[in-house]
Amino acid sequence: MNCEALMNQDEHIQSILHKQSKQMRSDYRIHLTASIDCIRVLLRQGNSFRGHDETEGSLNPGNFLIQLEFLGAHNKEINDVILKNAPKNCKLTSPDIQKDIVRACATETINVIIKDIGNSLFSILVDESRDVLMKEQMSVVLRYVDSSGHINERFIGIEHVTNTIALSLKAAIDKMFTKYNLSISNVRGQGFDGASNMQALIAVAKKNLPISNFFRIVGDVVNVVGSSFKRSDLLKEKHSDFIVKALQRGEISSSRGLNQETTLQRAGDTRWGSHYNSLNSLISMFSAVSDVLEMISEDDSSSPDKKTEAFNLLESILSFDFVFNLHLMKHALGISSELSTALQKKDQDIVNAMDLVQVCKHRLQNMREDGWDSFLEKVHYFCQQHYIDYLKMDDMFTRWAPRGRPHRNPPEVTNLHHYRVDLFYGVIDMQLQELNDRFSKASTELLLCVACLCPQNSFIAFDKKKLLQLAKFYPQDFSRFDILVLDDQLETYICDMHSNKTFQGLKDLGDLSEKLVMSNKSMVYPLVFKLLTLALILPVATASVERVFSAMRIVKDRLRNRMSDDWMNDSLIVYVEKDIFLTVDNEAIIQKFQNMKTRKEQL
């Protein structure tokens, strides 16, 4: 009997250990996959991982453990290998394990982006901002054309910098390029802080002291009126009453989608159109805002400081000066609103951007030359509506010192001179000058050459001479021999485009690029396609970088202010590039996690 037992292969100790080892590997894979799935959900939503108390039986163990418990409760196979049922030395729940998994997720996401870039030419978009701990963070986005001809802007990381001088930013960029094995020789464009059109125009306008003070008052009004749910509800109620009365008087029309419930909008640093929207909401809710401020100033339950603040703000907004500046900045920002909105699109091309810049400059110039009378009529009508004293333009203007007393020796000017020359002309001229400075003669010449590639209206803008000039702007990519070849290639290219129905009805450079790749014409006209690629990767705006800073305020908020820079960087990469992360397979993350260091369990 004993000999028969010894002869049974299935009972040998090696066979039993092999079976146990195989089962342990299977359980470990299920366990690790479950942890990765939970982390995927948290990363996509930008949620925190840890809780106040992660001990067994805690009611606040954190999002990660709650997700894991929920997953186990709905899957017995997972429940058998996680938390209480997992080996005590391999529970995969420690903060270090969570960070390693997130690092693996971020690394694989970046690998997909770097692989997509390949050896292509690209431009770099850089901006810096402070996080919740007031640490300077530099964000880097790459703009490139992928293998399908589509233009992309991808976030590759955020780096803490001690200061924002050029040398520090260059060192941080070099470090990031070395980390991802990117070649600086492939960079063909750079976009840095200050390329944001709306933000630049607002910053310029604030150089005018009365306008700067106006924006301060607007910010204070939004903070006071919207500082509590009670006041917000009161504001909505007052605005609703105003809408009902206006409908009864026939001052506004009623239709589906009109006169919906709204509230005051707060201006944000990384939202270009937020200042414009904030001013529009203040104009539409002006009566309600005035009523709420008046109620706060007369409310006995409010503190004396709050009552005084509300009273002073009410006095400020019920003045001709405030109403004038409110409408002036609303009109000025409204002119650049379409430009700012268009520049926030990831696939926006330089040709359309240039057209919008010209439209913006033309409208500002028209406003300066012919818009004063109609503008003043709107201000006058608004003052009548809200019982605000209207200043006579022929009266002498009184300049007030900071403490509320008149200047000792003020220049004698009329109200007309102050409001028309100092403010109306002053703000418009500063904005026109800013747009002209940002689009210098050299850059304008480059952009006019780029515009010749535009496929609209059957390539009506095509100009071979200007396109050859464009190629000469890039001596690194076009040799003298290439220029000679390009001369002939452009002739054949434009004949092909005119005769080929596939390329009719295209709207912009992005459509043209995709069509060339789809029809394999990019291989037939390689030099033309390279010229098109260089035009597409020209940095138009830093909107994608601004979005990263918006995401940073979600991922690293005041409750998670102790996040390390590496932890924040990894979380941000996955959160911002969600569409790429969704394509990353769990197996790739598992292999990366296992290869980071020696694990207690092997696969």
Foldseek 3Di string as FASTA:
>chain_A
DVVVCVVDPCNDPVNVVVVVQVVVQVLLVLQLLLLLVQLLVCLQVLHDAAFPDCDPPDPTGGSSVVSQVVVCVVDVSNVCDEDPNHPPVDRLRDPVSSLLLLLLLLVVLLVVVCVQCPLAAWAKEWEWDAFPVRFIKIWIWIWFQGLLLFIFIATNWIDTFRDPDPVRVVVVVVVSCVVSVHDPVRHQAYHYPPLQQLLVLLVLLCVQPLLVVLVVLLQLLCCLQVVDPVSQVQLQVLLVVVVVVCVVVVVDDDDPPPPDGDGAFHDDPLDSCRVLSNLVRCLSSVVSSLVSLCCQLVDPVHDPVSNVSSVVSSVVCLELSSLLSSLLVNVLSVLCVVLNVLLLDRQRFLLVNVVSLVSSLVVLVCCLPPVPVVSVVVSVVSCVVVVRDDDDQAAWDFDADPVGHTDPDDPTDGNVCCSNPVNNVVSSVSSSVVSDVVCDPVNVLLNLLLNQVWCPPNSPSNDLVSVLVNVVVCCVVAPPVNSVVLSVLVVVVSVCSNVDPLSPPDGGLSSVSSSCSVVVVCVVRVVVSSSSRSSSNHNNGNSLVSVLSVSSCSNCDPVNVPDDSSSSGSSSSCNSPVVSSVPDDPVSSVVSSCVVDPDPRDD
